[in-house]
Structures are given as structure tokens and as C-alpha cells.
């Protein structure tokens, strides 16, 4: 009985591992924003766009230009299930010195 219980637990753990989604996203694809991402501009007229020149990583990046006097832009990932201690969210940011 104990072996059967451990076997069933192992199957459940394996299924759990297969069902979790890993997001490893770049902006190299021609669709922008990528599938399931959302770009929102709540203030101002500039918006997020795909940039292929001067990308800090890879061949393309997401970019939004500065707008005076102010603007508010969001680039929203798909919903992520983060497990404390096991998952990492990291990203690169590039900003000219005059907009630090």
C-alpha cells in the first residue's frame, strides 16, 4: 500500500511539473506585442513598439519613447503563476543617460 501511495504521488508531481507554463520571452518575432501580452497607454500619445536597432539583448526589444510633459505606458505579460523561492522574473532595461 505504501509503494502504491508513493507511486501515485510521483505521478501527481510529474503531472504538476508538466502543467506549469514557463515564460521565456523575447521580442524577436514580428508580432508585437507577443501573443497574450498587452500594451496600454493611459496618458500621452507614445506607445510601446518593437525596436530592432540598439537592442540590449537579442535582435529586438520593446521600446517606448519619452514624452514631455509626461506619459504612462504599460507592457503587461501573460498571467504568471509564481512560486516563491522557485521562480525568477528578470528583464533588461536600457535607458539613455539623459532620461535616467
PDB file of N, CA and C in Angstrom:
ATOM      1  N   UNK A   1       0.826  -1.197   0.000  1.00  0.00           N
ATOM      2  CA  UNK A   1       0.000   0.000   0.000  1.00  0.00           C
ATOM      3  C   UNK A   1       0.871   1.262   0.000  1.00  0.00           C
ATOM      4  N   UNK A   2       1.935   1.235   0.784  1.00  0.00           N
ATOM      5  CA  UNK A   2       2.822   2.381   0.871  1.00  0.00           C
ATOM      6  C   UNK A   2       3.484   2.664  -0.483  1.00  0.00           C
ATOM      7  N   UNK A   3       3.893   1.594  -1.192  1.00  0.00           N
ATOM      8  CA  UNK A   3       4.513   1.754  -2.501  1.00  0.00           C
ATOM      9  C   UNK A   3       3.525   2.352  -3.499  1.00  0.00           C
ATOM     10  N   UNK A   4       2.283   1.909  -3.442  1.00  0.00           N
ATOM     11  CA  UNK A   4       1.256   2.433  -4.328  1.00  0.00           C
ATOM     12  C   UNK A   4       1.030   3.926  -4.069  1.00  0.00           C
ATOM     13  N   UNK A   5       0.989   4.317  -2.810  1.00  0.00           N
ATOM     14  CA  UNK A   5       0.807   5.712  -2.452  1.00  0.00           C
ATOM     15  C   UNK A   5       1.960   6.557  -2.992  1.00  0.00           C
ATOM     16  N   UNK A   6       3.201   6.113  -2.806  1.00  0.00           N
ATOM     17  CA  UNK A   6       4.355   6.846  -3.320  1.00  0.00           C
ATOM     18  C   UNK A   6       4.332   6.922  -4.849  1.00  0.00           C
ATOM     19  N   UNK A   7       3.909   5.843  -5.503  1.00  0.00           N
ATOM     20  CA  UNK A   7       3.807   5.820  -6.955  1.00  0.00           C
ATOM     21  C   UNK A   7       2.789   6.851  -7.443  1.00  0.00           C
ATOM     22  N   UNK A   8       1.618   6.901  -6.808  1.00  0.00           N
ATOM     23  CA  UNK A   8       0.589   7.875  -7.172  1.00  0.00           C
ATOM     24  C   UNK A   8       1.051   9.307  -6.906  1.00  0.00           C
ATOM     25  N   UNK A   9       1.765   9.522  -5.808  1.00  0.00           N
ATOM     26  CA  UNK A   9       2.291  10.856  -5.522  1.00  0.00           C
ATOM     27  C   UNK A   9       3.314  11.274  -6.580  1.00  0.00           C
ATOM     28  N   UNK A  10       4.153  10.333  -7.011  1.00  0.00           N
ATOM     29  CA  UNK A  10       5.143  10.623  -8.042  1.00  0.00           C
ATOM     30  C   UNK A  10       4.466  11.016  -9.350  1.00  0.00           C
ATOM     31  N   UNK A  11       3.383  10.329  -9.690  1.00  0.00           N
ATOM     32  CA  UNK A  11       2.637  10.661 -10.910  1.00  0.00           C
ATOM     33  C   UNK A  11       2.030  12.060 -10.796  1.00  0.00           C
ATOM     34  N   UNK A  12       1.442  12.376  -9.661  1.00  0.00           N
ATOM     35  CA  UNK A  12       0.853  13.706  -9.461  1.00  0.00           C
ATOM     36  C   UNK A  12       1.912  14.801  -9.538  1.00  0.00           C
ATOM     37  N   UNK A  13       3.069  14.563  -8.957  1.00  0.00           N
ATOM     38  CA  UNK A  13       4.152  15.555  -9.017  1.00  0.00           C
ATOM     39  C   UNK A  13       4.620  15.733 -10.453  1.00  0.00           C
ATOM     40  N   UNK A  14       4.733  14.637 -11.199  1.00  0.00           N
ATOM     41  CA  UNK A  14       5.141  14.722 -12.610  1.00  0.00           C
ATOM     42  C   UNK A  14       4.108  15.492 -13.424  1.00  0.00           C
ATOM     43  N   UNK A  15       2.831  15.226 -13.195  1.00  0.00           N
ATOM     44  CA  UNK A  15       1.777  15.948 -13.913  1.00  0.00           C
ATOM     45  C   UNK A  15       1.830  17.421 -13.568  1.00  0.00           C
ATOM     46  N   UNK A  16       2.030  17.736 -12.303  1.00  0.00           N
ATOM     47  CA  UNK A  16       2.134  19.131 -11.870  1.00  0.00           C
ATOM     48  C   UNK A  16       3.264  19.824 -12.617  1.00  0.00           C
ATOM     49  N   UNK A  17       4.403  19.167 -12.743  1.00  0.00           N
ATOM     50  CA  UNK A  17       5.543  19.750 -13.444  1.00  0.00           C
ATOM     51  C   UNK A  17       5.261  19.997 -14.914  1.00  0.00           C
ATOM     52  N   UNK A  18       4.491  19.120 -15.552  1.00  0.00           N
ATOM     53  CA  UNK A  18       4.178  19.287 -16.972  1.00  0.00           C
ATOM     54  C   UNK A  18       3.170  20.384 -17.216  1.00  0.00           C
ATOM     55  N   UNK A  19       2.330  20.694 -16.232  1.00  0.00           N
ATOM     56  CA  UNK A  19       1.263  21.660 -16.460  1.00  0.00           C
ATOM     57  C   UNK A  19       1.698  23.094 -16.240  1.00  0.00           C
ATOM     58  N   UNK A  20       2.821  23.325 -15.613  1.00  0.00           N
ATOM     59  CA  UNK A  20       3.253  24.696 -15.384  1.00  0.00           C
ATOM     60  C   UNK A  20       3.828  25.291 -16.663  1.00  0.00           C
ATOM     61  N   UNK A  21       3.520  26.552 -16.896  1.00  0.00           N
ATOM     62  CA  UNK A  21       3.968  27.237 -18.097  1.00  0.00           C
ATOM     63  C   UNK A  21       5.193  28.075 -17.770  1.00  0.00           C
ATOM     64  N   UNK A  22       6.217  27.944 -18.603  1.00  0.00           N
ATOM     65  CA  UNK A  22       7.409  28.760 -18.447  1.00  0.00           C
ATOM     66  C   UNK A  22       7.365  29.861 -19.485  1.00  0.00           C
ATOM     67  N   UNK A  23       7.582  31.085 -19.066  1.00  0.00           N
ATOM     68  CA  UNK A  23       7.628  32.214 -19.982  1.00  0.00           C
ATOM     69  C   UNK A  23       9.086  32.591 -20.176  1.00  0.00           C
ATOM     70  N   UNK A  24       9.574  32.413 -21.367  1.00  0.00           N
ATOM     71  CA  UNK A  24      10.920  32.837 -21.722  1.00  0.00           C
ATOM     72  C   UNK A  24      10.743  33.634 -23.004  1.00  0.00           C
ATOM     73  N   UNK A  25      10.470  34.907 -22.851  1.00  0.00           N
ATOM     74  CA  UNK A  25      10.006  35.718 -23.976  1.00  0.00           C
ATOM     75  C   UNK A  25      11.075  36.665 -24.475  1.00  0.00           C
ATOM     76  N   UNK A  26      11.124  36.806 -25.770  1.00  0.00           N
ATOM     77  CA  UNK A  26      11.929  37.827 -26.419  1.00  0.00           C
ATOM     78  C   UNK A  26      11.010  38.578 -27.366  1.00  0.00           C
ATOM     79  N   UNK A  27      11.535  39.544 -28.023  1.00  0.00           N
ATOM     80  CA  UNK A  27      10.722  40.345 -28.941  1.00  0.00           C
ATOM     81  C   UNK A  27      11.206  40.196 -30.376  1.00  0.00           C
ATOM     82  N   UNK A  28      11.879  39.052 -30.657  1.00  0.00           N
ATOM     83  CA  UNK A  28      12.429  38.814 -31.979  1.00  0.00           C
ATOM     84  C   UNK A  28      11.356  38.506 -33.018  1.00  0.00           C
ATOM     85  N   UNK A  29      10.224  37.983 -32.606  1.00  0.00           N
ATOM     86  CA  UNK A  29       9.140  37.675 -33.545  1.00  0.00           C
ATOM     87  C   UNK A  29       8.536  38.946 -34.121  1.00  0.00           C
ATOM     88  N   UNK A  30       7.888  38.825 -35.283  1.00  0.00           N
ATOM     89  CA  UNK A  30       7.336  40.013 -35.939  1.00  0.00           C
ATOM     90  C   UNK A  30       6.063  40.524 -35.258  1.00  0.00           C
ATOM     91  N   UNK A  31       5.360  39.671 -34.530  1.00  0.00           N
ATOM     92  CA  UNK A  31       4.139  40.106 -33.830  1.00  0.00           C
ATOM     93  C   UNK A  31       4.526  40.898 -32.594  1.00  0.00           C
ATOM     94  N   UNK A  32       3.966  42.094 -32.446  1.00  0.00           N
ATOM     95  CA  UNK A  32       4.237  42.887 -31.255  1.00  0.00           C
ATOM     96  C   UNK A  32       2.957  43.545 -30.796  1.00  0.00           C
ATOM     97  N   UNK A  33       2.651  43.431 -29.513  1.00  0.00           N
ATOM     98  CA  UNK A  33       3.384  42.638 -28.533  1.00  0.00           C
ATOM     99  C   UNK A  33       3.168  41.147 -28.802  1.00  0.00           C
ATOM    100  N   UNK A  34       4.015  40.291 -28.192  1.00  0.00           N
ATOM    101  CA  UNK A  34       3.840  38.849 -28.385  1.00  0.00           C
ATOM    102  C   UNK A  34       2.454  38.388 -27.927  1.00  0.00           C
ATOM    103  N   UNK A  35       2.082  37.196 -28.373  1.00  0.00           N
ATOM    104  CA  UNK A  35       0.773  36.641 -28.027  1.00  0.00           C
ATOM    105  C   UNK A  35       0.559  36.632 -26.517  1.00  0.00           C
ATOM    106  N   UNK A  36      -0.620  37.026 -26.088  1.00  0.00           N
ATOM    107  CA  UNK A  36      -1.043  37.090 -24.686  1.00  0.00           C
ATOM    108  C   UNK A  36      -0.454  38.268 -23.921  1.00  0.00           C
ATOM    109  N   UNK A  37       0.380  39.093 -24.547  1.00  0.00           N
ATOM    110  CA  UNK A  37       0.869  40.312 -23.912  1.00  0.00           C
ATOM    111  C   UNK A  37      -0.096  41.441 -24.266  1.00  0.00           C
ATOM    112  N   UNK A  38      -0.081  42.507 -23.458  1.00  0.00           N
ATOM    113  CA  UNK A  38      -0.954  43.650 -23.691  1.00  0.00           C
ATOM    114  C   UNK A  38      -0.157  44.927 -23.534  1.00  0.00           C
ATOM    115  N   UNK A  39      -0.347  45.867 -24.449  1.00  0.00           N
ATOM    116  CA  UNK A  39       0.258  47.187 -24.273  1.00  0.00           C
ATOM    117  C   UNK A  39      -0.860  48.195 -24.036  1.00  0.00           C
ATOM    118  N   UNK A  40      -0.639  49.046 -23.044  1.00  0.00           N
ATOM    119  CA  UNK A  40      -1.657  50.009 -22.633  1.00  0.00           C
ATOM    120  C   UNK A  40      -1.004  51.376 -22.483  1.00  0.00           C
ATOM    121  N   UNK A  41      -1.633  52.393 -23.058  1.00  0.00           N
ATOM    122  CA  UNK A  41      -1.215  53.781 -22.868  1.00  0.00           C
ATOM    123  C   UNK A  41      -2.369  54.494 -22.200  1.00  0.00           C
ATOM    124  N   UNK A  42      -2.132  54.985 -20.974  1.00  0.00           N
ATOM    125  CA  UNK A  42      -3.203  55.673 -20.249  1.00  0.00           C
ATOM    126  C   UNK A  42      -3.032  57.188 -20.238  1.00  0.00           C
ATOM    127  N   UNK A  43      -1.831  57.650 -20.602  1.00  0.00           N
ATOM    128  CA  UNK A  43      -1.597  59.088 -20.649  1.00  0.00           C
ATOM    129  C   UNK A  43      -0.539  59.367 -21.708  1.00  0.00           C
ATOM    130  N   UNK A  44      -0.784  60.347 -22.567  1.00  0.00           N
ATOM    131  CA  UNK A  44       0.153  60.677 -23.631  1.00  0.00           C
ATOM    132  C   UNK A  44      -0.208  59.964 -24.925  1.00  0.00           C
ATOM    133  N   UNK A  45       0.629  60.157 -25.951  1.00  0.00           N
ATOM    134  CA  UNK A  45       0.346  59.581 -27.266  1.00  0.00           C
ATOM    135  C   UNK A  45       1.378  58.555 -27.707  1.00  0.00           C
ATOM    136  N   UNK A  46       2.521  58.451 -27.028  1.00  0.00           N
ATOM    137  CA  UNK A  46       3.517  57.445 -27.404  1.00  0.00           C
ATOM    138  C   UNK A  46       3.087  56.088 -26.878  1.00  0.00           C
ATOM    139  N   UNK A  47       3.559  55.031 -27.546  1.00  0.00           N
ATOM    140  CA  UNK A  47       3.160  53.678 -27.174  1.00  0.00           C
ATOM    141  C   UNK A  47       4.356  52.747 -27.292  1.00  0.00           C
ATOM    142  N   UNK A  48       4.262  51.575 -26.637  1.00  0.00           N
ATOM    143  CA  UNK A  48       5.295  50.563 -26.759  1.00  0.00           C
ATOM    144  C   UNK A  48       5.385  50.111 -28.210  1.00  0.00           C
ATOM    145  N   UNK A  49       6.619  49.845 -28.671  1.00  0.00           N
ATOM    146  CA  UNK A  49       6.837  49.338 -30.025  1.00  0.00           C
ATOM    147  C   UNK A  49       8.019  48.384 -30.040  1.00  0.00           C
ATOM    148  N   UNK A  50       8.128  47.618 -31.096  1.00  0.00           N
ATOM    149  CA  UNK A  50       9.245  46.692 -31.287  1.00  0.00           C
ATOM    150  C   UNK A  50      10.397  47.474 -31.908  1.00  0.00           C
ATOM    151  N   UNK A  51      11.569  47.371 -31.292  1.00  0.00           N
ATOM    152  CA  UNK A  51      12.752  48.101 -31.749  1.00  0.00           C
ATOM    153  C   UNK A  51      13.818  47.094 -32.161  1.00  0.00           C
ATOM    154  N   UNK A  52      14.367  47.241 -33.364  1.00  0.00           N
ATOM    155  CA  UNK A  52      15.398  46.302 -33.832  1.00  0.00           C
ATOM    156  C   UNK A  52      16.779  46.937 -33.891  1.00  0.00           C
ATOM    157  N   UNK A  53      16.891  48.203 -33.583  1.00  0.00           N
ATOM    158  CA  UNK A  53      18.205  48.835 -33.540  1.00  0.00           C
ATOM    159  C   UNK A  53      18.576  49.083 -32.081  1.00  0.00           C
ATOM    160  N   UNK A  54      19.815  48.848 -31.748  1.00  0.00           N
ATOM    161  CA  UNK A  54      20.323  49.131 -30.403  1.00  0.00           C
ATOM    162  C   UNK A  54      19.623  48.318 -29.317  1.00  0.00           C
ATOM    163  N   UNK A  55      19.327  47.051 -29.613  1.00  0.00           N
ATOM    164  CA  UNK A  55      18.686  46.186 -28.629  1.00  0.00           C
ATOM    165  C   UNK A  55      19.706  45.730 -27.590  1.00  0.00           C
ATOM    166  N   UNK A  56      19.376  45.836 -26.292  1.00  0.00           N
ATOM    167  CA  UNK A  56      20.338  45.413 -25.266  1.00  0.00           C
ATOM    168  C   UNK A  56      20.576  43.906 -25.236  1.00  0.00           C
ATOM    169  N   UNK A  57      19.618  43.095 -25.685  1.00  0.00           N
ATOM    170  CA  UNK A  57      19.739  41.623 -25.735  1.00  0.00           C
ATOM    171  C   UNK A  57      18.998  41.122 -26.961  1.00  0.00           C
ATOM    172  N   UNK A  58      19.551  40.154 -27.666  1.00  0.00           N
ATOM    173  CA  UNK A  58      18.872  39.600 -28.830  1.00  0.00           C
ATOM    174  C   UNK A  58      18.852  40.576 -29.987  1.00  0.00           C
ATOM    175  N   UNK A  59      17.954  40.321 -30.944  1.00  0.00           N
ATOM    176  CA  UNK A  59      17.884  41.167 -32.143  1.00  0.00           C
ATOM    177  C   UNK A  59      16.774  42.207 -32.087  1.00  0.00           C
ATOM    178  N   UNK A  60      15.920  42.139 -31.079  1.00  0.00           N
ATOM    179  CA  UNK A  60      14.832  43.104 -30.963  1.00  0.00           C
ATOM    180  C   UNK A  60      14.499  43.313 -29.486  1.00  0.00           C
ATOM    181  N   UNK A  61      13.850  44.429 -29.220  1.00  0.00           N
ATOM    182  CA  UNK A  61      13.453  44.729 -27.845  1.00  0.00           C
ATOM    183  C   UNK A  61      12.151  45.521 -27.875  1.00  0.00           C
ATOM    184  N   UNK A  62      11.552  45.687 -26.704  1.00  0.00           N
ATOM    185  CA  UNK A  62      10.378  46.536 -26.556  1.00  0.00           C
ATOM    186  C   UNK A  62      10.871  47.921 -26.162  1.00  0.00           C
ATOM    187  N   UNK A  63      10.270  48.932 -26.747  1.00  0.00           N
ATOM    188  CA  UNK A  63      10.738  50.292 -26.503  1.00  0.00           C
ATOM    189  C   UNK A  63       9.551  51.241 -26.416  1.00  0.00           C
ATOM    190  N   UNK A  64       9.698  52.227 -25.562  1.00  0.00           N
ATOM    191  CA  UNK A  64       8.736  53.323 -25.514  1.00  0.00           C
ATOM    192  C   UNK A  64       9.532  54.610 -25.370  1.00  0.00           C
ATOM    193  N   UNK A  65       9.238  55.587 -26.207  1.00  0.00           N
ATOM    194  CA  UNK A  65       9.955  56.856 -26.175  1.00  0.00           C
ATOM    195  C   UNK A  65       9.448  57.740 -25.049  1.00  0.00           C
ATOM    196  N   UNK A  66      10.322  58.624 -24.605  1.00  0.00           N
ATOM    197  CA  UNK A  66       9.959  59.628 -23.602  1.00  0.00           C
ATOM    198  C   UNK A  66       9.040  60.655 -24.249  1.00  0.00           C
ATOM    199  N   UNK A  67       8.065  61.114 -23.497  1.00  0.00           N
ATOM    200  CA  UNK A  67       7.185  62.158 -23.987  1.00  0.00           C
ATOM    201  C   UNK A  67       7.028  63.223 -22.917  1.00  0.00           C
ATOM    202  N   UNK A  68       7.213  64.476 -23.298  1.00  0.00           N
ATOM    203  CA  UNK A  68       7.076  65.584 -22.367  1.00  0.00           C
ATOM    204  C   UNK A  68       5.691  66.195 -22.547  1.00  0.00           C
ATOM    205  N   UNK A  69       4.976  66.567 -21.514  1.00  0.00           N
ATOM    206  CA  UNK A  69       5.445  66.644 -20.147  1.00  0.00           C
ATOM    207  C   UNK A  69       5.408  65.306 -19.423  1.00  0.00           C
ATOM    208  N   UNK A  70       4.527  64.390 -19.791  1.00  0.00           N
ATOM    209  CA  UNK A  70       4.520  63.078 -19.128  1.00  0.00           C
ATOM    210  C   UNK A  70       3.686  62.093 -19.926  1.00  0.00           C
ATOM    211  N   UNK A  71       3.899  60.829 -19.636  1.00  0.00           N
ATOM    212  CA  UNK A  71       3.138  59.762 -20.264  1.00  0.00           C
ATOM    213  C   UNK A  71       3.137  58.562 -19.336  1.00  0.00           C
ATOM    214  N   UNK A  72       2.161  57.682 -19.529  1.00  0.00           N
ATOM    215  CA  UNK A  72       2.064  56.453 -18.739  1.00  0.00           C
ATOM    216  C   UNK A  72       1.801  55.304 -19.695  1.00  0.00           C
ATOM    217  N   UNK A  73       2.723  54.336 -19.712  1.00  0.00           N
ATOM    218  CA  UNK A  73       2.618  53.188 -20.607  1.00  0.00           C
ATOM    219  C   UNK A  73       2.879  51.904 -19.826  1.00  0.00           C
ATOM    220  N   UNK A  74       2.145  50.864 -20.156  1.00  0.00           N
ATOM    221  CA  UNK A  74       2.324  49.561 -19.524  1.00  0.00           C
ATOM    222  C   UNK A  74       2.524  48.509 -20.612  1.00  0.00           C
ATOM    223  N   UNK A  75       3.454  47.584 -20.396  1.00  0.00           N
ATOM    224  CA  UNK A  75       3.611  46.405 -21.232  1.00  0.00           C
ATOM    225  C   UNK A  75       3.386  45.227 -20.297  1.00  0.00           C
ATOM    226  N   UNK A  76       2.281  44.522 -20.461  1.00  0.00           N
ATOM    227  CA  UNK A  76       1.799  43.549 -19.491  1.00  0.00           C
ATOM    228  C   UNK A  76       2.014  42.132 -20.008  1.00  0.00           C
ATOM    229  N   UNK A  77       2.686  41.307 -19.204  1.00  0.00           N
ATOM    230  CA  UNK A  77       2.923  39.908 -19.560  1.00  0.00           C
ATOM    231  C   UNK A  77       1.647  39.102 -19.404  1.00  0.00           C
ATOM    232  N   UNK A  78       1.621  37.895 -19.962  1.00  0.00           N
ATOM    233  CA  UNK A  78       0.503  36.998 -19.639  1.00  0.00           C
ATOM    234  C   UNK A  78       0.517  36.708 -18.141  1.00  0.00           C
ATOM    235  N   UNK A  79      -0.594  36.231 -17.621  1.00  0.00           N
ATOM    236  CA  UNK A  79      -0.677  35.893 -16.206  1.00  0.00           C
ATOM    237  C   UNK A  79       0.353  34.812 -15.891  1.00  0.00           C
ATOM    238  N   UNK A  80       1.129  35.024 -14.839  1.00  0.00           N
ATOM    239  CA  UNK A  80       2.166  34.088 -14.436  1.00  0.00           C
ATOM    240  C   UNK A  80       1.844  33.518 -13.065  1.00  0.00           C
ATOM    241  N   UNK A  81       2.143  32.247 -12.873  1.00  0.00           N
ATOM    242  CA  UNK A  81       1.977  31.592 -11.583  1.00  0.00           C
ATOM    243  C   UNK A  81       3.361  31.513 -10.949  1.00  0.00           C
ATOM    244  N   UNK A  82       3.664  32.410 -10.039  1.00  0.00           N
ATOM    245  CA  UNK A  82       4.985  32.475  -9.416  1.00  0.00           C
ATOM    246  C   UNK A  82       4.972  31.709  -8.104  1.00  0.00           C
ATOM    247  N   UNK A  83       5.920  30.782  -7.956  1.00  0.00           N
ATOM    248  CA  UNK A  83       6.068  30.018  -6.735  1.00  0.00           C
ATOM    249  C   UNK A  83       7.265  30.573  -5.980  1.00  0.00           C
ATOM    250  N   UNK A  84       7.036  31.088  -4.796  1.00  0.00           N
ATOM    251  CA  UNK A  84       8.102  31.722  -4.008  1.00  0.00           C
ATOM    252  C   UNK A  84       9.296  30.791  -3.879  1.00  0.00           C
ATOM    253  N   UNK A  85      10.471  31.325  -4.145  1.00  0.00           N
ATOM    254  CA  UNK A  85      11.698  30.569  -3.968  1.00  0.00           C
ATOM    255  C   UNK A  85      12.092  29.704  -5.145  1.00  0.00           C
ATOM    256  N   UNK A  86      11.172  29.443  -6.054  1.00  0.00           N
ATOM    257  CA  UNK A  86      11.468  28.572  -7.180  1.00  0.00           C
ATOM    258  C   UNK A  86      11.535  29.313  -8.515  1.00  0.00           C
ATOM    259  N   UNK A  87      10.811  30.394  -8.650  1.00  0.00           N
ATOM    260  CA  UNK A  87      10.720  31.095  -9.923  1.00  0.00           C
ATOM    261  C   UNK A  87      11.468  32.421  -9.874  1.00  0.00           C
ATOM    262  N   UNK A  88      11.883  32.868 -11.039  1.00  0.00           N
ATOM    263  CA  UNK A  88      12.602  34.130 -11.158  1.00  0.00           C
ATOM    264  C   UNK A  88      11.997  34.947 -12.287  1.00  0.00           C
ATOM    265  N   UNK A  89      11.800  36.210 -12.046  1.00  0.00           N
ATOM    266  CA  UNK A  89      11.397  37.133 -13.093  1.00  0.00           C
ATOM    267  C   UNK A  89      12.552  38.119 -13.245  1.00  0.00           C
ATOM    268  N   UNK A  90      13.098  38.185 -14.451  1.00  0.00           N
ATOM    269  CA  UNK A  90      14.191  39.125 -14.696  1.00  0.00           C
ATOM    270  C   UNK A  90      14.027  39.735 -16.074  1.00  0.00           C
ATOM    271  N   UNK A  91      14.562  40.923 -16.240  1.00  0.00           N
ATOM    272  CA  UNK A  91      14.485  41.604 -17.525  1.00  0.00           C
ATOM    273  C   UNK A  91      15.606  42.624 -17.607  1.00  0.00           C
ATOM    274  N   UNK A  92      15.904  43.042 -18.822  1.00  0.00           N
ATOM    275  CA  UNK A  92      16.929  44.042 -19.072  1.00  0.00           C
ATOM    276  C   UNK A  92      16.255  45.383 -19.314  1.00  0.00           C
ATOM    277  N   UNK A  93      16.875  46.445 -18.830  1.00  0.00           N
ATOM    278  CA  UNK A  93      16.391  47.800 -19.066  1.00  0.00           C
ATOM    279  C   UNK A  93      17.544  48.607 -19.636  1.00  0.00           C
ATOM    280  N   UNK A  94      17.263  49.345 -20.677  1.00  0.00           N
ATOM    281  CA  UNK A  94      18.267  50.224 -21.268  1.00  0.00           C
ATOM    282  C   UNK A  94      17.664  51.616 -21.312  1.00  0.00           C
ATOM    283  N   UNK A  95      18.412  52.578 -20.808  1.00  0.00           N
ATOM    284  CA  UNK A  95      17.915  53.946 -20.755  1.00  0.00           C
ATOM    285  C   UNK A  95      19.056  54.901 -21.049  1.00  0.00           C
ATOM    286  N   UNK A  96      18.875  55.841 -21.982  1.00  0.00           N
ATOM    287  CA  UNK A  96      19.913  56.850 -22.222  1.00  0.00           C
ATOM    288  C   UNK A  96      20.177  57.662 -20.951  1.00  0.00           C
ATOM    289  N   UNK A  97      21.376  58.139 -20.797  1.00  0.00           N
ATOM    290  CA  UNK A  97      21.750  58.896 -19.592  1.00  0.00           C
ATOM    291  C   UNK A  97      20.843  60.092 -19.338  1.00  0.00           C
ATOM    292  N   UNK A  98      20.401  60.756 -20.384  1.00  0.00           N
ATOM    293  CA  UNK A  98      19.596  61.946 -20.178  1.00  0.00           C
ATOM    294  C   UNK A  98      18.169  61.638 -19.753  1.00  0.00           C
ATOM    295  N   UNK A  99      17.759  60.380 -19.712  1.00  0.00           N
ATOM    296  CA  UNK A  99      16.442  60.006 -19.198  1.00  0.00           C
ATOM    297  C   UNK A  99      16.567  59.097 -17.989  1.00  0.00           C
ATOM    298  N   UNK A 100      17.615  59.229 -17.245  1.00  0.00           N
ATOM    299  CA  UNK A 100      17.841  58.296 -16.143  1.00  0.00           C
ATOM    300  C   UNK A 100      16.796  58.423 -15.056  1.00  0.00           C
TER     301      UNK A 100
END
